[in-house]
Amino acid sequence: MSYPKMASLLKKLMEKTDAVQLKWEEGSKKATFRVSFPEYTILLSIRPCADSPEDDYYISIFNSEGTLIEETSDRELATFIPNAYQQMQSLYDKARRQALGVDKAIDNILENLK
């Protein structure tokens, strides 16, 4: 596992998501969101943690055949990224909002309330 590279990946994903340069979509499983590249797909997921009330956030990388080639959680990145949990939670929330069209829905509702 290359945690420093995964930490760099998280940082870049956050930057590109904030700049709306990535197109996040719903994953095939509930509460997962993905962004695809020509040869790879990144999946963000949230999973219950057995020894903590907080869920764990995961970044998974799949190749073009759908094989999981790398995966890490906020706990594993905590040594390399200050506030890894909060950063992954923020990325997950932004990806979710984009994939589900939350802002569009709120804008539409506000327009209908005028």
C-alpha atoms as a PDB file:
ATOM      1  CA  MET A   1       0.000   0.000   0.000  1.00  0.00           C
ATOM      2  CA  SER A   2       1.319   3.399  -0.946  1.00  0.00           C
ATOM      3  CA  TYR A   3      -0.377   5.586   1.650  1.00  0.00           C
ATOM      4  CA  PRO A   4       1.467   8.778   0.613  1.00  0.00           C
ATOM      5  CA  LYS A   5       0.213   8.340  -2.971  1.00  0.00           C
ATOM      6  CA  MET A   6      -3.313   7.643  -1.754  1.00  0.00           C
ATOM      7  CA  ALA A   7      -3.088  10.779   0.391  1.00  0.00           C
ATOM      8  CA  SER A   8      -2.050  12.739  -2.728  1.00  0.00           C
ATOM      9  CA  LEU A   9      -4.940  11.183  -4.632  1.00  0.00           C
ATOM     10  CA  LEU A  10      -7.409  12.250  -1.946  1.00  0.00           C
ATOM     11  CA  LYS A  11      -6.077  15.804  -2.075  1.00  0.00           C
ATOM     12  CA  LYS A  12      -6.395  15.945  -5.882  1.00  0.00           C
ATOM     13  CA  LEU A  13      -9.900  14.461  -5.797  1.00  0.00           C
ATOM     14  CA  MET A  14     -10.935  17.129  -3.315  1.00  0.00           C
ATOM     15  CA  GLU A  15      -9.430  19.927  -5.433  1.00  0.00           C
ATOM     16  CA  LYS A  16     -11.055  18.699  -8.661  1.00  0.00           C
ATOM     17  CA  THR A  17     -14.403  18.075  -6.944  1.00  0.00           C
ATOM     18  CA  ASP A  18     -14.389  21.580  -5.428  1.00  0.00           C
ATOM     19  CA  ALA A  19     -13.651  22.996  -8.897  1.00  0.00           C
ATOM     20  CA  VAL A  20     -16.502  20.867 -10.358  1.00  0.00           C
ATOM     21  CA  GLN A  21     -14.034  19.200 -12.734  1.00  0.00           C
ATOM     22  CA  LEU A  22     -15.108  15.654 -11.921  1.00  0.00           C
ATOM     23  CA  LYS A  23     -18.419  14.013 -12.750  1.00  0.00           C
ATOM     24  CA  TRP A  24     -19.464  11.946  -9.746  1.00  0.00           C
ATOM     25  CA  GLU A  25     -22.210   9.368 -10.275  1.00  0.00           C
ATOM     26  CA  GLU A  26     -24.087   6.946  -8.075  1.00  0.00           C
ATOM     27  CA  GLY A  27     -22.317   3.623  -7.650  1.00  0.00           C
ATOM     28  CA  SER A  28     -23.990   0.279  -8.188  1.00  0.00           C
ATOM     29  CA  LYS A  29     -24.357  -0.250  -4.433  1.00  0.00           C
ATOM     30  CA  LYS A  30     -26.289   1.950  -2.038  1.00  0.00           C
ATOM     31  CA  ALA A  31     -24.310   4.851  -0.535  1.00  0.00           C
ATOM     32  CA  THR A  32     -21.458   4.602  -3.045  1.00  0.00           C
ATOM     33  CA  PHE A  33     -20.329   7.217  -5.540  1.00  0.00           C
ATOM     34  CA  ARG A  34     -17.917   6.845  -8.410  1.00  0.00           C
ATOM     35  CA  VAL A  35     -15.904   8.853 -10.873  1.00  0.00           C
ATOM     36  CA  SER A  36     -14.501   7.183 -13.969  1.00  0.00           C
ATOM     37  CA  PHE A  37     -11.301   7.750 -15.877  1.00  0.00           C
ATOM     38  CA  PRO A  38     -10.273   6.101 -19.152  1.00  0.00           C
ATOM     39  CA  GLU A  39      -8.697   3.057 -17.498  1.00  0.00           C
ATOM     40  CA  TYR A  40      -9.786   3.268 -13.849  1.00  0.00           C
ATOM     41  CA  THR A  41     -12.772   4.019 -11.635  1.00  0.00           C
ATOM     42  CA  ILE A  42     -12.629   5.475  -8.155  1.00  0.00           C
ATOM     43  CA  LEU A  43     -15.377   4.530  -5.743  1.00  0.00           C
ATOM     44  CA  LEU A  44     -16.170   6.354  -2.505  1.00  0.00           C
ATOM     45  CA  SER A  45     -18.060   4.396   0.102  1.00  0.00           C
ATOM     46  CA  ILE A  46     -19.054   4.555   3.730  1.00  0.00           C
ATOM     47  CA  ARG A  47     -19.083   1.503   5.960  1.00  0.00           C
ATOM     48  CA  PRO A  48     -20.032   0.903   9.590  1.00  0.00           C
ATOM     49  CA  CYS A  49     -17.136   0.524  11.976  1.00  0.00           C
ATOM     50  CA  ALA A  50     -17.390  -2.271  14.534  1.00  0.00           C
ATOM     51  CA  ASP A  51     -15.377  -0.526  17.232  1.00  0.00           C
ATOM     52  CA  SER A  52     -16.534   3.076  16.823  1.00  0.00           C
ATOM     53  CA  PRO A  53     -19.833   4.937  16.488  1.00  0.00           C
ATOM     54  CA  GLU A  54     -18.406   6.772  13.467  1.00  0.00           C
ATOM     55  CA  ASP A  55     -18.534   5.165  10.041  1.00  0.00           C
ATOM     56  CA  ASP A  56     -15.367   4.670   8.012  1.00  0.00           C
ATOM     57  CA  TYR A  57     -14.880   6.267   4.609  1.00  0.00           C
ATOM     58  CA  TYR A  58     -13.126   4.305   1.862  1.00  0.00           C
ATOM     59  CA  ILE A  59     -11.512   5.134  -1.463  1.00  0.00           C
ATOM     60  CA  SER A  60     -11.324   2.144  -3.798  1.00  0.00           C
ATOM     61  CA  ILE A  61      -9.643   1.973  -7.205  1.00  0.00           C
ATOM     62  CA  PHE A  62     -10.878  -0.486  -9.845  1.00  0.00           C
ATOM     63  CA  ASN A  63      -9.258  -1.247 -13.179  1.00  0.00           C
ATOM     64  CA  SER A  64     -11.142  -1.369 -16.487  1.00  0.00           C
ATOM     65  CA  GLU A  65     -12.042  -5.038 -15.903  1.00  0.00           C
ATOM     66  CA  GLY A  66     -13.707  -4.157 -12.577  1.00  0.00           C
ATOM     67  CA  THR A  67     -10.979  -5.656 -10.404  1.00  0.00           C
ATOM     68  CA  LEU A  68     -10.260  -3.904  -7.123  1.00  0.00           C
ATOM     69  CA  ILE A  69      -6.592  -2.919  -7.280  1.00  0.00           C
ATOM     70  CA  GLU A  70      -6.278  -0.650  -4.243  1.00  0.00           C
ATOM     71  CA  GLU A  71      -8.361   0.469  -1.290  1.00  0.00           C
ATOM     72  CA  THR A  72      -7.801   2.564   1.789  1.00  0.00           C
ATOM     73  CA  SER A  73      -9.858   4.084   4.573  1.00  0.00           C
ATOM     74  CA  ASP A  74      -9.758   7.321   6.515  1.00  0.00           C
ATOM     75  CA  ARG A  75      -8.233   5.408   9.445  1.00  0.00           C
ATOM     76  CA  GLU A  76      -5.373   4.149   7.311  1.00  0.00           C
ATOM     77  CA  LEU A  77      -4.676   7.627   5.935  1.00  0.00           C
ATOM     78  CA  ALA A  78      -4.834   9.347   9.324  1.00  0.00           C
ATOM     79  CA  THR A  79      -1.069   9.047   9.762  1.00  0.00           C
ATOM     80  CA  PHE A  80      -0.448  10.852   6.470  1.00  0.00           C
ATOM     81  CA  ILE A  81      -3.287  13.379   6.412  1.00  0.00           C
ATOM     82  CA  PRO A  82      -4.339  15.571   9.310  1.00  0.00           C
ATOM     83  CA  ASN A  83      -8.094  15.253   9.790  1.00  0.00           C
ATOM     84  CA  ALA A  84      -8.342  12.399   7.288  1.00  0.00           C
ATOM     85  CA  TYR A  85     -11.804  11.468   8.565  1.00  0.00           C
ATOM     86  CA  GLN A  86     -13.177  14.986   8.071  1.00  0.00           C
ATOM     87  CA  GLN A  87     -11.546  15.333   4.660  1.00  0.00           C
ATOM     88  CA  MET A  88     -12.905  12.025   3.377  1.00  0.00           C
ATOM     89  CA  GLN A  89     -16.307  12.806   4.859  1.00  0.00           C
ATOM     90  CA  SER A  90     -16.282  16.148   3.050  1.00  0.00           C
ATOM     91  CA  LEU A  91     -15.288  14.551  -0.272  1.00  0.00           C
ATOM     92  CA  TYR A  92     -17.960  11.875   0.136  1.00  0.00           C
ATOM     93  CA  ASP A  93     -20.620  14.506   0.914  1.00  0.00           C
ATOM     94  CA  LYS A  94     -19.642  16.629  -2.105  1.00  0.00           C
ATOM     95  CA  ALA A  95     -19.608  13.612  -4.413  1.00  0.00           C
ATOM     96  CA  ARG A  96     -23.015  12.567  -3.061  1.00  0.00           C
ATOM     97  CA  ARG A  97     -24.522  16.026  -3.557  1.00  0.00           C
ATOM     98  CA  GLN A  98     -23.229  16.185  -7.108  1.00  0.00           C
ATOM     99  CA  ALA A  99     -24.253  12.641  -8.062  1.00  0.00           C
ATOM    100  CA  LEU A 100     -27.754  13.028  -6.645  1.00  0.00           C
ATOM    101  CA  GLY A 101     -28.270  16.546  -8.016  1.00  0.00           C
ATOM    102  CA  VAL A 102     -28.980  18.020  -4.586  1.00  0.00           C
ATOM    103  CA  ASP A 103     -28.275  21.634  -5.569  1.00  0.00           C
ATOM    104  CA  LYS A 104     -30.461  21.330  -8.664  1.00  0.00           C
ATOM    105  CA  ALA A 105     -33.284  19.926  -6.520  1.00  0.00           C
ATOM    106  CA  ILE A 106     -33.005  22.736  -3.975  1.00  0.00           C
ATOM    107  CA  ASP A 107     -32.914  25.368  -6.735  1.00  0.00           C
ATOM    108  CA  ASN A 108     -36.016  23.826  -8.305  1.00  0.00           C
ATOM    109  CA  ILE A 109     -37.889  23.730  -4.996  1.00  0.00           C
ATOM    110  CA  LEU A 110     -36.932  27.329  -4.235  1.00  0.00           C
ATOM    111  CA  GLU A 111     -38.158  28.373  -7.670  1.00  0.00           C
ATOM    112  CA  ASN A 112     -41.477  26.627  -7.045  1.00  0.00           C
ATOM    113  CA  LEU A 113     -41.843  28.365  -3.687  1.00  0.00           C
ATOM    114  CA  LYS A 114     -41.716  31.833  -5.266  1.00  0.00           C
END
